[in-house]
C-alpha cells in the first residue's frame, strides 16, 4: 500500500508542477492584455461580459486565458489538498 501511495503522490506532484508552470504562462499573458488595453482583468470581464467591448478577437482570447486561469487555480488547490492528504 505504501508503494501505491508513493506512486500516486509522485504523479500528483508532477501534475502540480506542470499546472504551476501553465499558471505562470497564463498570468504573464493576462498582464500583457492588461498592459495593452490599460485595464485590469476584473474591469475587462465586467465590460466584456456585459457587451461593452465588442467582438475583437483579442477580447475573446483574453477571456479564454482568464477562464483557464480560474480552472488552473482550482486544479492546483485540489492537487495540493490531495497531496497533503497522502502525506
C-alpha atoms as a PDB file:
ATOM      1  CA  UNK A   1       0.000   0.000   0.000  1.00  0.00           C
ATOM      2  CA  UNK A   2       2.851   2.407   0.741  1.00  0.00           C
ATOM      3  CA  UNK A   3       4.258   1.918  -2.732  1.00  0.00           C
ATOM      4  CA  UNK A   4       0.873   2.741  -4.238  1.00  0.00           C
ATOM      5  CA  UNK A   5       0.578   5.940  -2.165  1.00  0.00           C
ATOM      6  CA  UNK A   6       4.111   6.928  -3.153  1.00  0.00           C
ATOM      7  CA  UNK A   7       3.346   6.474  -6.860  1.00  0.00           C
ATOM      8  CA  UNK A   8       0.105   8.435  -6.560  1.00  0.00           C
ATOM      9  CA  UNK A   9       1.894  11.243  -4.692  1.00  0.00           C
ATOM     10  CA  UNK A  10       4.597  11.299  -7.357  1.00  0.00           C
ATOM     11  CA  UNK A  11       2.007  11.657 -10.130  1.00  0.00           C
ATOM     12  CA  UNK A  12       0.160  14.385  -8.229  1.00  0.00           C
ATOM     13  CA  UNK A  13       3.413  16.276  -7.657  1.00  0.00           C
ATOM     14  CA  UNK A  14       4.232  16.109 -11.371  1.00  0.00           C
ATOM     15  CA  UNK A  15       0.765  17.368 -12.288  1.00  0.00           C
ATOM     16  CA  UNK A  16       1.073  20.133  -9.715  1.00  0.00           C
ATOM     17  CA  UNK A  17       4.405  21.239 -11.163  1.00  0.00           C
ATOM     18  CA  UNK A  18       3.009  21.280 -14.712  1.00  0.00           C
ATOM     19  CA  UNK A  19      -0.079  23.195 -13.586  1.00  0.00           C
ATOM     20  CA  UNK A  20       2.032  25.819 -11.816  1.00  0.00           C
ATOM     21  CA  UNK A  21       4.131  26.320 -14.957  1.00  0.00           C
ATOM     22  CA  UNK A  22       0.967  26.785 -17.016  1.00  0.00           C
ATOM     23  CA  UNK A  23      -0.352  29.196 -14.392  1.00  0.00           C
ATOM     24  CA  UNK A  24       2.738  31.403 -14.714  1.00  0.00           C
ATOM     25  CA  UNK A  25       2.406  31.430 -18.506  1.00  0.00           C
ATOM     26  CA  UNK A  26      -1.267  32.379 -18.349  1.00  0.00           C
ATOM     27  CA  UNK A  27      -0.625  35.043 -15.699  1.00  0.00           C
ATOM     28  CA  UNK A  28       2.035  36.542 -17.974  1.00  0.00           C
ATOM     29  CA  UNK A  29      -0.458  36.633 -20.869  1.00  0.00           C
ATOM     30  CA  UNK A  30      -3.043  38.227 -18.578  1.00  0.00           C
ATOM     31  CA  UNK A  31      -0.573  41.003 -17.676  1.00  0.00           C
ATOM     32  CA  UNK A  32       0.193  41.555 -21.376  1.00  0.00           C
ATOM     33  CA  UNK A  33      -3.501  42.101 -22.125  1.00  0.00           C
ATOM     34  CA  UNK A  34      -3.928  44.375 -19.098  1.00  0.00           C
ATOM     35  CA  UNK A  35      -0.991  46.462 -20.263  1.00  0.00           C
ATOM     36  CA  UNK A  36      -2.109  46.533 -23.897  1.00  0.00           C
ATOM     37  CA  UNK A  37      -5.662  47.642 -23.085  1.00  0.00           C
ATOM     38  CA  UNK A  38      -4.821  49.641 -19.935  1.00  0.00           C
ATOM     39  CA  UNK A  39      -7.419  47.941 -17.738  1.00  0.00           C
ATOM     40  CA  UNK A  40      -7.248  45.207 -15.156  1.00  0.00           C
ATOM     41  CA  UNK A  41      -8.836  41.849 -15.787  1.00  0.00           C
ATOM     42  CA  UNK A  42     -11.762  42.306 -13.410  1.00  0.00           C
ATOM     43  CA  UNK A  43     -12.758  45.517 -15.205  1.00  0.00           C
ATOM     44  CA  UNK A  44     -12.284  43.771 -18.544  1.00  0.00           C
ATOM     45  CA  UNK A  45     -14.542  40.869 -17.512  1.00  0.00           C
ATOM     46  CA  UNK A  46     -17.327  43.201 -16.405  1.00  0.00           C
ATOM     47  CA  UNK A  47     -17.191  45.171 -19.648  1.00  0.00           C
ATOM     48  CA  UNK A  48     -16.726  42.150 -21.916  1.00  0.00           C
ATOM     49  CA  UNK A  49     -19.479  40.055 -20.364  1.00  0.00           C
ATOM     50  CA  UNK A  50     -21.901  42.994 -20.490  1.00  0.00           C
ATOM     51  CA  UNK A  51     -21.168  43.520 -24.198  1.00  0.00           C
ATOM     52  CA  UNK A  52     -19.455  46.908 -23.839  1.00  0.00           C
ATOM     53  CA  UNK A  53     -16.236  45.922 -25.632  1.00  0.00           C
ATOM     54  CA  UNK A  54     -17.401  44.431 -28.894  1.00  0.00           C
ATOM     55  CA  UNK A  55     -16.220  41.294 -30.663  1.00  0.00           C
ATOM     56  CA  UNK A  56     -12.497  41.889 -31.111  1.00  0.00           C
ATOM     57  CA  UNK A  57     -10.629  38.568 -31.287  1.00  0.00           C
ATOM     58  CA  UNK A  58      -8.164  39.738 -28.618  1.00  0.00           C
ATOM     59  CA  UNK A  59     -11.009  40.087 -26.140  1.00  0.00           C
ATOM     60  CA  UNK A  60     -12.112  36.502 -26.692  1.00  0.00           C
ATOM     61  CA  UNK A  61      -8.524  35.298 -26.259  1.00  0.00           C
ATOM     62  CA  UNK A  62      -8.131  37.337 -23.064  1.00  0.00           C
ATOM     63  CA  UNK A  63     -11.441  35.991 -21.760  1.00  0.00           C
ATOM     64  CA  UNK A  64     -10.229  32.441 -22.529  1.00  0.00           C
ATOM     65  CA  UNK A  65      -6.996  32.999 -20.595  1.00  0.00           C
ATOM     66  CA  UNK A  66      -8.953  34.266 -17.601  1.00  0.00           C
ATOM     67  CA  UNK A  67     -11.231  31.229 -17.629  1.00  0.00           C
ATOM     68  CA  UNK A  68      -8.188  28.961 -17.934  1.00  0.00           C
ATOM     69  CA  UNK A  69      -6.539  30.770 -15.014  1.00  0.00           C
ATOM     70  CA  UNK A  70      -9.559  30.143 -12.814  1.00  0.00           C
ATOM     71  CA  UNK A  71      -9.606  26.465 -13.779  1.00  0.00           C
ATOM     72  CA  UNK A  72      -5.864  26.097 -13.166  1.00  0.00           C
ATOM     73  CA  UNK A  73      -6.134  27.714  -9.736  1.00  0.00           C
ATOM     74  CA  UNK A  74      -8.913  25.294  -8.802  1.00  0.00           C
ATOM     75  CA  UNK A  75      -6.847  22.374 -10.137  1.00  0.00           C
ATOM     76  CA  UNK A  76      -3.797  23.461  -8.143  1.00  0.00           C
ATOM     77  CA  UNK A  77      -5.844  23.742  -4.955  1.00  0.00           C
ATOM     78  CA  UNK A  78      -7.234  20.233  -5.442  1.00  0.00           C
ATOM     79  CA  UNK A  79      -3.812  18.748  -6.217  1.00  0.00           C
ATOM     80  CA  UNK A  80      -2.257  20.413  -3.166  1.00  0.00           C
ATOM     81  CA  UNK A  81      -5.099  19.214  -0.966  1.00  0.00           C
ATOM     82  CA  UNK A  82      -4.775  15.630  -2.202  1.00  0.00           C
ATOM     83  CA  UNK A  83      -1.005  15.680  -1.751  1.00  0.00           C
ATOM     84  CA  UNK A  84      -1.394  16.854   1.847  1.00  0.00           C
ATOM     85  CA  UNK A  85      -3.933  14.120   2.490  1.00  0.00           C
ATOM     86  CA  UNK A  86      -1.459  11.489   1.279  1.00  0.00           C
ATOM     87  CA  UNK A  87       1.393  12.737   3.481  1.00  0.00           C
END
